[in-house]
């Protein structure tokens, strides 16, 4: 009668292949697989670096101000001259525009301009 150890070995021999050479990739195949994976990663890293460089150059060129000549620079606007006008002068400035001065109950006066 066989011992449990012998039965287990017999069962393992039936289930598993006898030569372990066919169970997976060989050493050479595994090394080739690792080399290809390394090349793929380096290639992807290189493409990402190139794209980042191109994007940086494009954004840098876009952000840099263009050189303008003195003829193209706008001149300073003239300072605003503010002066007080009375009611008659205000209506003279408005000429043909329908306008009215309205006194409110709180003592303030508002200018109403009608836009037909």
Protein backbone atom coordinates (compact mmCIF):
# COMPACT_ATOMS: atom_id res chain seq x y z
CA UNK A 1 0.00 0.00 0.00
CA UNK A 2 1.26 3.44 -0.96
CA UNK A 3 1.84 6.12 1.64
CA UNK A 4 0.11 9.48 1.44
CA UNK A 5 3.36 11.05 0.25
CA UNK A 6 3.63 8.63 -2.68
CA UNK A 7 -0.03 9.17 -3.61
CA UNK A 8 0.47 12.92 -3.57
CA UNK A 9 3.53 12.66 -5.82
CA UNK A 10 1.67 10.42 -8.26
CA UNK A 11 -1.24 12.86 -8.37
CA UNK A 12 1.11 15.80 -8.89
CA UNK A 13 2.90 13.99 -11.73
CA UNK A 14 -0.46 13.40 -13.46
CA UNK A 15 -1.67 16.97 -13.03
CA UNK A 16 1.56 18.89 -13.61
CA UNK A 17 3.78 18.42 -16.63
CA UNK A 18 6.89 16.44 -15.95
CA UNK A 19 9.29 18.92 -17.50
CA UNK A 20 9.20 22.43 -16.14
CA UNK A 21 10.74 23.85 -19.33
CA UNK A 22 7.31 24.14 -20.97
CA UNK A 23 5.54 25.75 -18.01
CA UNK A 24 6.41 29.33 -18.80
CA UNK A 25 8.74 31.59 -20.72
CA UNK A 26 12.36 30.69 -20.86
CA UNK A 27 15.05 32.88 -19.39
CA UNK A 28 15.85 34.34 -22.82
CA UNK A 29 12.18 35.06 -23.53
CA UNK A 30 11.79 36.73 -20.14
CA UNK A 31 14.86 38.91 -20.69
CA UNK A 32 13.58 39.88 -24.15
CA UNK A 33 10.19 40.78 -22.66
CA UNK A 34 11.86 42.96 -20.02
CA UNK A 35 14.04 44.72 -22.63
CA UNK A 36 11.03 45.48 -24.83
CA UNK A 37 9.11 46.85 -21.84
CA UNK A 38 12.08 49.03 -20.90
CA UNK A 39 12.34 50.36 -24.47
CA UNK A 40 8.62 51.08 -24.54
CA UNK A 41 8.80 53.04 -21.28
CA UNK A 42 11.85 55.02 -22.39
CA UNK A 43 10.15 55.79 -25.70
CA UNK A 44 6.98 56.99 -23.94
CA UNK A 45 9.04 59.11 -21.54
CA UNK A 46 10.94 60.64 -24.46
CA UNK A 47 7.69 61.52 -26.27
CA UNK A 48 6.25 63.12 -23.15
CA UNK A 49 9.46 65.15 -22.70
CA UNK A 50 9.42 66.30 -26.35
CA UNK A 51 5.75 67.30 -26.16
CA UNK A 52 6.35 69.18 -22.90
CA UNK A 53 9.27 71.03 -24.51
CA UNK A 54 7.19 71.98 -27.56
CA UNK A 55 4.31 73.15 -25.37
CA UNK A 56 6.69 75.21 -23.23
CA UNK A 57 8.18 76.89 -26.31
CA UNK A 58 4.76 77.66 -27.79
CA UNK A 59 3.44 79.10 -24.53
CA UNK A 60 6.64 81.08 -23.98
CA UNK A 61 6.45 82.59 -27.47
CA UNK A 62 2.77 83.39 -26.94
CA UNK A 63 3.41 85.06 -23.58
CA UNK A 64 6.31 87.23 -24.78
CA UNK A 65 5.22 90.72 -25.86
CA UNK A 66 5.90 91.63 -29.43
CA UNK A 67 8.29 94.49 -30.04
CA UNK A 68 6.47 97.60 -31.13
CA UNK A 69 7.97 100.66 -32.70
CA UNK A 70 7.45 104.13 -31.30
CA UNK A 71 5.05 104.99 -34.12
CA UNK A 72 2.67 102.25 -33.00
CA UNK A 73 2.52 103.21 -29.32
CA UNK A 74 -0.65 105.10 -28.46
CA UNK A 75 -0.21 108.64 -27.22
CA UNK A 76 -1.42 109.64 -23.77
CA UNK A 77 -4.99 110.90 -23.77
CA UNK A 78 -5.48 114.54 -22.99
CA UNK A 79 -6.43 115.17 -19.38
CA UNK A 80 -10.12 115.76 -18.83
CA UNK A 81 -11.07 119.32 -18.09
CA UNK A 82 -13.98 119.38 -15.67
CA UNK A 83 -15.81 122.63 -15.16
CA UNK A 84 -19.03 123.55 -13.47
CA UNK A 85 -21.93 124.74 -15.59
CA UNK A 86 -25.19 126.36 -14.61
CA UNK A 87 -28.61 125.23 -15.77
CA UNK A 88 -28.70 127.46 -18.87
CA UNK A 89 -25.25 126.29 -19.99
CA UNK A 90 -26.30 122.65 -19.44
CA UNK A 91 -29.35 123.06 -21.66
CA UNK A 92 -27.19 124.81 -24.26
CA UNK A 93 -24.86 121.79 -24.33
CA UNK A 94 -27.82 119.46 -24.87
CA UNK A 95 -29.23 121.67 -27.67
CA UNK A 96 -32.02 119.71 -29.42
CA UNK A 97 -32.11 116.81 -26.95
CA UNK A 98 -35.31 116.78 -24.90
CA UNK A 99 -34.25 117.23 -21.26
CA UNK A 100 -35.71 118.51 -18.00
CA UNK A 101 -34.51 119.39 -14.49
CA UNK A 102 -36.70 117.84 -11.81
CA UNK A 103 -36.63 118.93 -8.17
CA UNK A 104 -37.36 116.09 -5.76
CA UNK A 105 -39.13 116.55 -2.37
CA UNK A 106 -35.86 115.92 -0.49
CA UNK A 107 -34.32 119.01 -2.14
CA UNK A 108 -32.12 117.27 -4.74
CA UNK A 109 -32.32 118.11 -8.42
CA UNK A 110 -32.11 115.43 -11.14
CA UNK A 111 -31.49 115.85 -14.86
CA UNK A 112 -33.82 113.76 -17.04
CA UNK A 113 -32.84 113.18 -20.66
CA UNK A 114 -35.43 111.62 -22.93
CA UNK A 115 -34.26 109.24 -25.61
CA UNK A 116 -36.95 109.01 -28.29
